[in-house]
Amino acid sequence: MSRPALHKGSRGFTLLELVLVLAVIGLIVTLVAPRLGVFGSVALDTSARRLAARIRFLREEAALRGRSVRLSFDLHERSYAAAVLLPTTTGARFVDDSSPLFRRVNLPDDLNLDVSGPNLSTTMDGQPAAIFSPDGFADPTVIYLDDGKGRAMSIVIEPGVTAPRILDGYVDARSVFTQ
């Protein structure tokens, strides 16, 4: 059996040609992916999961410390931070804590934040807040995150449930807490 003869002009791709094609594909993906919302969706999912994990930690921390913990939200800055209730000479008040998981977290610039719930607590400057008490109770709260492109997630804090629920889309706080 004879082998087909190779033409002198035919050859495979060179390494340089392959690298060049991969670089062009990478450049196209870098330019097109943000317009398709691929990265925004990841930021929304990641932010919602991080916030839910923080909520669970803070509820457990309130029980361990035997003190109430407040998670407050700055809607204009799109951020949240926690404080612990401590006795002071002028009475008990929420005080910032230096622990890493109590520090302020800023959401990505393309995400929007809103908070609602029945009898929602507020800070001294009127920002919404959820309070976690040492007995495991929490203010019923729904936290909304959206990417401004039609995708949203809701984090539901239920009074007697340790882990918050993460749900796709907007959840009306009235329908969740009046059941």
N, C-alpha and C. Protein backbone atom coordinates (compact mmCIF):
# COMPACT_ATOMS: atom_id res chain seq x y z
N MET A 1 0.84 -1.17 0.00
CA MET A 1 0.00 0.00 0.00
C MET A 1 0.89 1.23 0.00
N SER A 2 0.60 2.12 -0.85
CA SER A 2 1.46 3.29 -0.96
C SER A 2 0.84 4.47 -0.22
N ARG A 3 1.70 5.29 0.29
CA ARG A 3 1.25 6.49 1.00
C ARG A 3 1.04 7.62 0.01
N PRO A 4 0.05 8.51 0.32
CA PRO A 4 -0.13 9.64 -0.57
C PRO A 4 1.08 10.57 -0.45
N ALA A 5 1.46 11.11 -1.53
CA ALA A 5 2.62 12.01 -1.54
C ALA A 5 2.22 13.36 -0.96
N LEU A 6 3.11 13.91 -0.16
CA LEU A 6 2.88 15.25 0.40
C LEU A 6 3.32 16.28 -0.60
N HIS A 7 2.51 17.31 -0.75
CA HIS A 7 2.91 18.39 -1.63
C HIS A 7 3.91 19.25 -0.91
N LYS A 8 4.84 19.77 -1.64
CA LYS A 8 5.89 20.58 -1.04
C LYS A 8 5.32 21.83 -0.37
N GLY A 9 4.25 22.41 -0.88
CA GLY A 9 3.68 23.64 -0.34
C GLY A 9 2.75 23.42 0.85
N SER A 10 2.31 22.19 1.13
CA SER A 10 1.35 21.98 2.22
C SER A 10 2.09 21.74 3.53
N ARG A 11 1.57 22.35 4.56
CA ARG A 11 2.14 22.16 5.90
C ARG A 11 1.06 22.45 6.92
N GLY A 12 1.30 22.11 8.18
CA GLY A 12 0.34 22.40 9.25
C GLY A 12 0.49 23.84 9.72
N PHE A 13 -0.24 24.16 10.78
CA PHE A 13 -0.14 25.49 11.36
C PHE A 13 1.13 25.59 12.18
N THR A 14 1.74 26.74 12.16
CA THR A 14 2.93 26.95 13.00
C THR A 14 2.47 27.35 14.39
N LEU A 15 3.34 27.26 15.34
CA LEU A 15 3.05 27.64 16.71
C LEU A 15 2.68 29.13 16.77
N LEU A 16 3.35 29.93 16.02
CA LEU A 16 3.07 31.36 15.98
C LEU A 16 1.65 31.64 15.49
N GLU A 17 1.22 30.93 14.46
CA GLU A 17 -0.14 31.10 13.94
C GLU A 17 -1.19 30.69 14.97
N LEU A 18 -0.95 29.61 15.67
CA LEU A 18 -1.89 29.15 16.71
C LEU A 18 -1.98 30.16 17.85
N VAL A 19 -0.84 30.67 18.29
CA VAL A 19 -0.82 31.66 19.38
C VAL A 19 -1.56 32.93 18.94
N LEU A 20 -1.35 33.35 17.72
CA LEU A 20 -2.01 34.54 17.20
C LEU A 20 -3.53 34.37 17.17
N VAL A 21 -4.00 33.22 16.73
CA VAL A 21 -5.44 32.95 16.68
C VAL A 21 -6.02 32.93 18.10
N LEU A 22 -5.34 32.29 19.04
CA LEU A 22 -5.81 32.25 20.42
C LEU A 22 -5.85 33.65 21.03
N ALA A 23 -4.87 34.49 20.72
CA ALA A 23 -4.84 35.86 21.23
C ALA A 23 -6.03 36.66 20.69
N VAL A 24 -6.34 36.49 19.42
CA VAL A 24 -7.48 37.20 18.82
C VAL A 24 -8.79 36.73 19.45
N ILE A 25 -8.94 35.43 19.65
CA ILE A 25 -10.15 34.89 20.30
C ILE A 25 -10.27 35.44 21.72
N GLY A 26 -9.16 35.47 22.44
CA GLY A 26 -9.17 36.02 23.80
C GLY A 26 -9.58 37.47 23.83
N LEU A 27 -9.10 38.25 22.89
CA LEU A 27 -9.45 39.66 22.80
C LEU A 27 -10.94 39.83 22.51
N ILE A 28 -11.47 39.04 21.61
CA ILE A 28 -12.89 39.11 21.28
C ILE A 28 -13.75 38.75 22.50
N VAL A 29 -13.39 37.70 23.21
CA VAL A 29 -14.14 37.30 24.42
C VAL A 29 -14.09 38.40 25.46
N THR A 30 -12.93 39.02 25.64
CA THR A 30 -12.78 40.10 26.62
C THR A 30 -13.67 41.29 26.27
N LEU A 31 -13.84 41.57 25.01
CA LEU A 31 -14.67 42.70 24.61
C LEU A 31 -16.15 42.39 24.58
N VAL A 32 -16.52 41.17 24.24
CA VAL A 32 -17.92 40.81 24.05
C VAL A 32 -18.58 40.30 25.34
N ALA A 33 -17.88 39.55 26.16
CA ALA A 33 -18.48 38.93 27.35
C ALA A 33 -19.15 39.94 28.29
N PRO A 34 -18.51 41.07 28.62
CA PRO A 34 -19.20 42.02 29.51
C PRO A 34 -20.51 42.54 28.92
N ARG A 35 -20.58 42.69 27.61
CA ARG A 35 -21.81 43.17 26.98
C ARG A 35 -22.93 42.14 27.03
N LEU A 36 -22.55 40.88 27.14
CA LEU A 36 -23.55 39.82 27.24
C LEU A 36 -23.99 39.59 28.68
N GLY A 37 -23.35 40.25 29.64
CA GLY A 37 -23.74 40.12 31.03
C GLY A 37 -23.17 38.90 31.72
N VAL A 38 -22.20 38.24 31.14
CA VAL A 38 -21.63 37.04 31.74
C VAL A 38 -20.99 37.36 33.07
N PHE A 39 -20.17 38.42 33.11
CA PHE A 39 -19.46 38.75 34.34
C PHE A 39 -20.38 39.39 35.37
N GLY A 40 -21.38 40.16 34.93
CA GLY A 40 -22.34 40.76 35.84
C GLY A 40 -23.14 39.70 36.58
N SER A 41 -23.48 38.64 35.89
CA SER A 41 -24.22 37.56 36.50
C SER A 41 -23.38 36.86 37.57
N VAL A 42 -22.12 36.70 37.30
CA VAL A 42 -21.22 36.10 38.28
C VAL A 42 -21.09 37.00 39.51
N ALA A 43 -20.98 38.31 39.29
CA ALA A 43 -20.88 39.25 40.41
C ALA A 43 -22.14 39.21 41.27
N LEU A 44 -23.29 39.10 40.65
CA LEU A 44 -24.56 39.03 41.38
C LEU A 44 -24.61 37.75 42.21
N ASP A 45 -24.33 36.62 41.60
CA ASP A 45 -24.35 35.34 42.33
C ASP A 45 -23.35 35.35 43.48
N THR A 46 -22.13 35.79 43.21
CA THR A 46 -21.09 35.80 44.24
C THR A 46 -21.46 36.72 45.38
N SER A 47 -21.94 37.91 45.07
CA SER A 47 -22.31 38.87 46.11
C SER A 47 -23.45 38.35 46.98
N ALA A 48 -24.43 37.72 46.36
CA ALA A 48 -25.57 37.18 47.11
C ALA A 48 -25.10 36.05 48.04
N ARG A 49 -24.25 35.18 47.55
CA ARG A 49 -23.77 34.07 48.38
C ARG A 49 -22.87 34.55 49.52
N ARG A 50 -22.04 35.55 49.25
CA ARG A 50 -21.19 36.11 50.30
C ARG A 50 -22.03 36.77 51.39
N LEU A 51 -23.04 37.53 50.97
CA LEU A 51 -23.90 38.19 51.95
C LEU A 51 -24.68 37.16 52.77
N ALA A 52 -25.18 36.12 52.13
CA ALA A 52 -25.90 35.07 52.87
C ALA A 52 -24.97 34.38 53.87
N ALA A 53 -23.74 34.12 53.47
CA ALA A 53 -22.77 33.51 54.39
C ALA A 53 -22.48 34.45 55.56
N ARG A 54 -22.38 35.74 55.28
CA ARG A 54 -22.14 36.72 56.35
C ARG A 54 -23.31 36.74 57.32
N ILE A 55 -24.52 36.67 56.81
CA ILE A 55 -25.71 36.67 57.66
C ILE A 55 -25.70 35.45 58.58
N ARG A 56 -25.41 34.31 58.02
CA ARG A 56 -25.37 33.09 58.83
C ARG A 56 -24.31 33.19 59.93
N PHE A 57 -23.14 33.70 59.58
CA PHE A 57 -22.07 33.89 60.55
C PHE A 57 -22.52 34.84 61.66
N LEU A 58 -23.12 35.95 61.28
CA LEU A 58 -23.52 36.95 62.29
C LEU A 58 -24.58 36.41 63.24
N ARG A 59 -25.48 35.60 62.74
CA ARG A 59 -26.49 34.98 63.62
C ARG A 59 -25.82 34.06 64.62
N GLU A 60 -24.87 33.27 64.15
CA GLU A 60 -24.14 32.37 65.05
C GLU A 60 -23.28 33.16 66.03
N GLU A 61 -22.70 34.23 65.57
CA GLU A 61 -21.86 35.08 66.41
C GLU A 61 -22.69 35.72 67.53
N ALA A 62 -23.91 36.14 67.23
CA ALA A 62 -24.78 36.72 68.25
C ALA A 62 -25.04 35.70 69.36
N ALA A 63 -25.28 34.46 68.98
CA ALA A 63 -25.54 33.41 69.97
C ALA A 63 -24.27 33.10 70.78
N LEU A 64 -23.13 33.03 70.11
CA LEU A 64 -21.88 32.73 70.81
C LEU A 64 -21.47 33.83 71.77
N ARG A 65 -21.61 35.08 71.35
CA ARG A 65 -21.22 36.21 72.19
C ARG A 65 -22.27 36.53 73.26
N GLY A 66 -23.49 36.07 73.04
CA GLY A 66 -24.56 36.41 73.97
C GLY A 66 -24.97 37.87 73.86
N ARG A 67 -24.73 38.46 72.69
CA ARG A 67 -25.05 39.87 72.46
C ARG A 67 -25.70 40.02 71.09
N SER A 68 -26.57 40.98 70.98
CA SER A 68 -27.21 41.25 69.69
C SER A 68 -26.20 41.80 68.70
N VAL A 69 -26.41 41.43 67.44
CA VAL A 69 -25.57 41.91 66.34
C VAL A 69 -26.49 42.55 65.32
N ARG A 70 -26.06 43.69 64.77
CA ARG A 70 -26.84 44.41 63.77
C ARG A 70 -26.09 44.43 62.44
N LEU A 71 -26.80 44.06 61.40
CA LEU A 71 -26.26 44.18 60.04
C LEU A 71 -26.98 45.36 59.39
N SER A 72 -26.24 46.44 59.12
CA SER A 72 -26.87 47.63 58.54
C SER A 72 -26.45 47.79 57.09
N PHE A 73 -27.31 48.43 56.33
CA PHE A 73 -27.13 48.58 54.89
C PHE A 73 -27.11 50.05 54.52
N ASP A 74 -26.12 50.45 53.73
CA ASP A 74 -26.08 51.79 53.18
C ASP A 74 -26.52 51.66 51.72
N LEU A 75 -27.76 52.04 51.46
CA LEU A 75 -28.33 51.86 50.13
C LEU A 75 -27.68 52.75 49.07
N HIS A 76 -27.23 53.93 49.47
CA HIS A 76 -26.62 54.85 48.50
C HIS A 76 -25.20 54.39 48.13
N GLU A 77 -24.47 53.90 49.10
CA GLU A 77 -23.10 53.42 48.85
C GLU A 77 -23.08 51.96 48.41
N ARG A 78 -24.25 51.29 48.47
CA ARG A 78 -24.36 49.87 48.14
C ARG A 78 -23.37 49.04 48.96
N SER A 79 -23.50 49.16 50.27
CA SER A 79 -22.59 48.45 51.16
C SER A 79 -23.34 47.98 52.40
N TYR A 80 -22.67 47.12 53.18
CA TYR A 80 -23.23 46.65 54.44
C TYR A 80 -22.10 46.41 55.44
N ALA A 81 -22.45 46.52 56.72
CA ALA A 81 -21.47 46.33 57.79
C ALA A 81 -22.21 45.87 59.04
N ALA A 82 -21.48 45.24 59.95
CA ALA A 82 -22.09 44.73 61.18
C ALA A 82 -21.52 45.46 62.40
N ALA A 83 -22.32 45.46 63.45
CA ALA A 83 -21.91 46.04 64.73
C ALA A 83 -22.50 45.17 65.84
N VAL A 84 -21.88 45.24 67.02
CA VAL A 84 -22.33 44.43 68.15
C VAL A 84 -22.89 45.35 69.23
N LEU A 85 -23.92 44.91 69.93
CA LEU A 85 -24.54 45.70 70.99
C LEU A 85 -23.73 45.55 72.27
N LEU A 86 -23.21 46.67 72.76
CA LEU A 86 -22.38 46.67 73.96
C LEU A 86 -22.90 47.68 74.97
N PRO A 87 -22.74 47.37 76.26
CA PRO A 87 -23.12 48.36 77.27
C PRO A 87 -22.09 49.50 77.29
N THR A 88 -22.56 50.72 77.39
CA THR A 88 -21.68 51.88 77.52
C THR A 88 -22.16 52.70 78.71
N THR A 89 -21.44 53.75 79.04
CA THR A 89 -21.82 54.59 80.18
C THR A 89 -23.16 55.29 79.94
N THR A 90 -23.53 55.45 78.68
CA THR A 90 -24.80 56.11 78.35
C THR A 90 -25.89 55.11 77.98
N GLY A 91 -25.65 53.84 78.21
CA GLY A 91 -26.61 52.80 77.85
C GLY A 91 -26.06 51.92 76.74
N ALA A 92 -26.79 50.88 76.44
CA ALA A 92 -26.33 49.94 75.40
C ALA A 92 -26.45 50.59 74.03
N ARG A 93 -25.45 50.35 73.17
CA ARG A 93 -25.51 50.85 71.80
C ARG A 93 -24.68 49.93 70.91
N PHE A 94 -24.98 49.99 69.62
CA PHE A 94 -24.24 49.19 68.66
C PHE A 94 -22.90 49.86 68.37
N VAL A 95 -21.86 49.02 68.46
CA VAL A 95 -20.49 49.51 68.29
C VAL A 95 -19.82 48.69 67.19
N ASP A 96 -19.04 49.36 66.35
CA ASP A 96 -18.29 48.66 65.31
C ASP A 96 -17.33 47.66 65.94
N ASP A 97 -17.12 46.56 65.26
CA ASP A 97 -16.23 45.51 65.72
C ASP A 97 -15.08 45.42 64.73
N SER A 98 -13.88 45.12 65.21
CA SER A 98 -12.71 45.08 64.33
C SER A 98 -12.54 43.73 63.63
N SER A 99 -13.37 42.76 63.95
CA SER A 99 -13.27 41.44 63.30
C SER A 99 -13.48 41.58 61.80
N PRO A 100 -12.75 40.79 61.00
CA PRO A 100 -12.87 40.91 59.54
C PRO A 100 -14.29 40.74 59.00
N LEU A 101 -15.08 39.86 59.58
CA LEU A 101 -16.43 39.63 59.05
C LEU A 101 -17.44 40.67 59.54
N PHE A 102 -17.00 41.61 60.35
CA PHE A 102 -17.87 42.71 60.77
C PHE A 102 -17.61 43.96 59.95
N ARG A 103 -16.52 43.97 59.20
CA ARG A 103 -16.12 45.16 58.44
C ARG A 103 -17.08 45.44 57.28
N ARG A 104 -17.04 46.69 56.83
CA ARG A 104 -17.89 47.13 55.72
C ARG A 104 -17.51 46.42 54.44
N VAL A 105 -18.53 46.00 53.69
CA VAL A 105 -18.35 45.36 52.39
C VAL A 105 -19.06 46.21 51.36
N ASN A 106 -18.34 46.59 50.32
CA ASN A 106 -18.92 47.34 49.21
C ASN A 106 -19.27 46.37 48.09
N LEU A 107 -20.50 46.46 47.61
CA LEU A 107 -20.92 45.63 46.49
C LEU A 107 -20.28 46.15 45.20
N PRO A 108 -20.14 45.30 44.19
CA PRO A 108 -19.63 45.78 42.90
C PRO A 108 -20.47 46.94 42.37
N ASP A 109 -19.83 47.83 41.61
CA ASP A 109 -20.48 49.05 41.13
C ASP A 109 -21.74 48.80 40.32
N ASP A 110 -21.81 47.68 39.62
CA ASP A 110 -22.96 47.45 38.74
C ASP A 110 -24.14 46.80 39.46
N LEU A 111 -24.04 46.57 40.76
CA LEU A 111 -25.15 45.96 41.50
C LEU A 111 -25.92 47.01 42.29
N ASN A 112 -27.23 46.82 42.36
CA ASN A 112 -28.11 47.69 43.15
C ASN A 112 -28.56 46.92 44.38
N LEU A 113 -28.86 47.65 45.44
CA LEU A 113 -29.23 47.07 46.73
C LEU A 113 -30.50 47.71 47.25
N ASP A 114 -31.39 46.88 47.78
CA ASP A 114 -32.58 47.39 48.46
C ASP A 114 -32.91 46.41 49.58
N VAL A 115 -33.56 46.90 50.62
CA VAL A 115 -33.88 46.08 51.79
C VAL A 115 -35.30 46.40 52.23
N SER A 116 -36.07 45.36 52.58
CA SER A 116 -37.42 45.59 53.10
C SER A 116 -37.77 44.51 54.10
N GLY A 117 -38.85 44.73 54.79
CA GLY A 117 -39.33 43.76 55.76
C GLY A 117 -40.33 44.42 56.69
N PRO A 118 -41.18 43.63 57.31
CA PRO A 118 -42.14 44.19 58.27
C PRO A 118 -41.40 44.68 59.51
N ASN A 119 -41.71 45.87 59.95
CA ASN A 119 -41.09 46.45 61.14
C ASN A 119 -39.56 46.44 61.05
N LEU A 120 -39.04 46.80 59.89
CA LEU A 120 -37.61 46.81 59.65
C LEU A 120 -36.91 47.78 60.59
N SER A 121 -35.84 47.34 61.22
CA SER A 121 -35.04 48.21 62.09
C SER A 121 -34.25 49.19 61.25
N THR A 122 -33.88 50.31 61.86
CA THR A 122 -33.05 51.29 61.17
C THR A 122 -31.94 51.75 62.12
N THR A 123 -30.89 52.28 61.52
CA THR A 123 -29.79 52.83 62.30
C THR A 123 -30.16 54.26 62.72
N MET A 124 -29.29 54.90 63.50
CA MET A 124 -29.53 56.28 63.94
C MET A 124 -29.66 57.23 62.75
N ASP A 125 -28.96 56.92 61.64
CA ASP A 125 -29.05 57.79 60.47
C ASP A 125 -30.06 57.30 59.44
N GLY A 126 -30.96 56.41 59.85
CA GLY A 126 -32.08 56.01 59.01
C GLY A 126 -31.82 54.90 58.01
N GLN A 127 -30.66 54.27 58.08
CA GLN A 127 -30.37 53.17 57.16
C GLN A 127 -31.05 51.88 57.64
N PRO A 128 -31.55 51.05 56.73
CA PRO A 128 -32.19 49.79 57.14
C PRO A 128 -31.18 48.84 57.77
N ALA A 129 -31.67 48.02 58.68
CA ALA A 129 -30.80 47.08 59.39
C ALA A 129 -31.58 45.84 59.81
N ALA A 130 -30.87 44.76 59.95
CA ALA A 130 -31.43 43.52 60.49
C ALA A 130 -30.69 43.23 61.79
N ILE A 131 -31.45 42.90 62.83
CA ILE A 131 -30.83 42.62 64.13
C ILE A 131 -30.97 41.14 64.43
N PHE A 132 -29.85 40.55 64.85
CA PHE A 132 -29.80 39.13 65.23
C PHE A 132 -29.58 39.08 66.73
N SER A 133 -30.52 38.45 67.43
CA SER A 133 -30.43 38.40 68.89
C SER A 133 -29.76 37.11 69.35
N PRO A 134 -29.27 37.11 70.59
CA PRO A 134 -28.56 35.92 71.10
C PRO A 134 -29.42 34.66 71.17
N ASP A 135 -30.73 34.81 71.24
CA ASP A 135 -31.60 33.63 71.32
C ASP A 135 -31.89 33.01 69.96
N GLY A 136 -31.26 33.55 68.89
CA GLY A 136 -31.43 32.99 67.55
C GLY A 136 -32.47 33.70 66.71
N PHE A 137 -33.22 34.61 67.31
CA PHE A 137 -34.24 35.34 66.57
C PHE A 137 -33.56 36.39 65.69
N ALA A 138 -34.19 36.69 64.54
CA ALA A 138 -33.69 37.73 63.65
C ALA A 138 -34.86 38.53 63.10
N ASP A 139 -34.60 39.78 62.79
CA ASP A 139 -35.63 40.59 62.15
C ASP A 139 -35.96 39.99 60.78
N PRO A 140 -37.25 39.80 60.49
CA PRO A 140 -37.61 39.30 59.15
C PRO A 140 -37.25 40.35 58.11
N THR A 141 -36.40 39.96 57.18
CA THR A 141 -35.85 40.91 56.22
C THR A 141 -35.68 40.26 54.86
N VAL A 142 -35.90 41.04 53.80
CA VAL A 142 -35.58 40.59 52.45
C VAL A 142 -34.60 41.60 51.87
N ILE A 143 -33.49 41.10 51.38
CA ILE A 143 -32.45 41.92 50.77
C ILE A 143 -32.48 41.64 49.27
N TYR A 144 -32.60 42.69 48.49
CA TYR A 144 -32.66 42.55 47.04
C TYR A 144 -31.34 43.01 46.43
N LEU A 145 -30.81 42.21 45.54
CA LEU A 145 -29.65 42.60 44.74
C LEU A 145 -30.05 42.46 43.28
N ASP A 146 -29.72 43.45 42.46
CA ASP A 146 -29.97 43.29 41.03
C ASP A 146 -28.81 43.88 40.24
N ASP A 147 -28.63 43.36 39.04
CA ASP A 147 -27.49 43.77 38.22
C ASP A 147 -27.82 44.89 37.25
N GLY A 148 -29.02 45.44 37.32
CA GLY A 148 -29.41 46.52 36.43
C GLY A 148 -29.70 46.07 35.01
N LYS A 149 -29.62 44.77 34.75
CA LYS A 149 -29.86 44.24 33.40
C LYS A 149 -31.02 43.24 33.41
N GLY A 150 -31.84 43.31 34.45
CA GLY A 150 -33.00 42.44 34.50
C GLY A 150 -32.84 41.20 35.36
N ARG A 151 -31.66 40.96 35.91
CA ARG A 151 -31.47 39.79 36.76
C ARG A 151 -31.38 40.24 38.21
N ALA A 152 -32.09 39.55 39.09
CA ALA A 152 -32.12 39.92 40.51
C ALA A 152 -32.09 38.67 41.37
N MET A 153 -31.68 38.86 42.61
CA MET A 153 -31.70 37.79 43.61
C MET A 153 -32.21 38.38 44.91
N SER A 154 -32.92 37.57 45.68
CA SER A 154 -33.43 37.98 46.98
C SER A 154 -32.83 37.08 48.05
N ILE A 155 -32.42 37.69 49.14
CA ILE A 155 -31.92 36.94 50.31
C ILE A 155 -32.95 37.14 51.40
N VAL A 156 -33.54 36.05 51.84
CA VAL A 156 -34.63 36.11 52.82
C VAL A 156 -34.10 35.67 54.19
N ILE A 157 -34.20 36.59 55.16
CA ILE A 157 -33.83 36.29 56.55
C ILE A 157 -35.13 36.03 57.30
N GLU A 158 -35.29 34.80 57.75
CA GLU A 158 -36.50 34.44 58.49
C GLU A 158 -36.20 34.44 59.98
N PRO A 159 -37.17 34.84 60.81
CA PRO A 159 -36.91 35.01 62.24
C PRO A 159 -36.30 33.80 62.95
N GLY A 160 -36.80 32.60 62.69
CA GLY A 160 -36.33 31.44 63.44
C GLY A 160 -35.47 30.47 62.66
N VAL A 161 -34.99 30.86 61.49
CA VAL A 161 -34.20 29.95 60.65
C VAL A 161 -32.78 30.49 60.54
N THR A 162 -31.80 29.68 60.90
CA THR A 162 -30.41 30.13 60.94
C THR A 162 -29.88 30.54 59.59
N ALA A 163 -30.10 29.72 58.57
CA ALA A 163 -29.54 30.01 57.24
C ALA A 163 -30.54 30.81 56.41
N PRO A 164 -30.10 31.91 55.83
CA PRO A 164 -31.00 32.66 54.94
C PRO A 164 -31.22 31.91 53.64
N ARG A 165 -32.34 32.19 52.99
CA ARG A 165 -32.62 31.59 51.69
C ARG A 165 -32.21 32.57 50.59
N ILE A 166 -31.61 32.02 49.53
CA ILE A 166 -31.26 32.82 48.36
C ILE A 166 -32.20 32.39 47.24
N LEU A 167 -32.95 33.35 46.71
CA LEU A 167 -33.93 33.06 45.67
C LEU A 167 -33.67 33.92 44.45
N ASP A 168 -33.91 33.35 43.27
CA ASP A 168 -33.80 34.13 42.04
C ASP A 168 -34.98 35.08 41.94
N GLY A 169 -34.71 36.28 41.46
CA GLY A 169 -35.76 37.27 41.25
C GLY A 169 -36.11 38.04 42.50
N TYR A 170 -37.12 38.89 42.35
CA TYR A 170 -37.60 39.69 43.47
C TYR A 170 -38.63 38.91 44.27
N VAL A 171 -38.51 38.95 45.57
CA VAL A 171 -39.47 38.33 46.46
C VAL A 171 -40.10 39.44 47.29
N ASP A 172 -41.41 39.51 47.29
CA ASP A 172 -42.13 40.52 48.06
C ASP A 172 -42.11 40.12 49.53
N ALA A 173 -41.58 40.98 50.36
CA ALA A 173 -41.46 40.69 51.79
C ALA A 173 -42.83 40.43 52.43
N ARG A 174 -43.86 41.14 51.97
CA ARG A 174 -45.19 40.94 52.54
C ARG A 174 -45.70 39.52 52.29
N SER A 175 -45.40 38.97 51.12
CA SER A 175 -45.89 37.62 50.82
C SER A 175 -45.10 36.56 51.57
N VAL A 176 -43.85 36.82 51.88
CA VAL A 176 -43.02 35.85 52.59
C VAL A 176 -43.37 35.78 54.07
N PHE A 177 -43.58 36.95 54.70
CA PHE A 177 -43.74 36.98 56.14
C PHE A 177 -45.18 37.04 56.62
N THR A 178 -46.17 36.97 55.73
CA THR A 178 -47.57 36.95 56.16
C THR A 178 -48.20 35.58 56.01
N GLN A 179 -47.38 34.59 55.69
CA GLN A 179 -47.92 33.23 55.49
C GLN A 179 -48.22 32.57 56.81
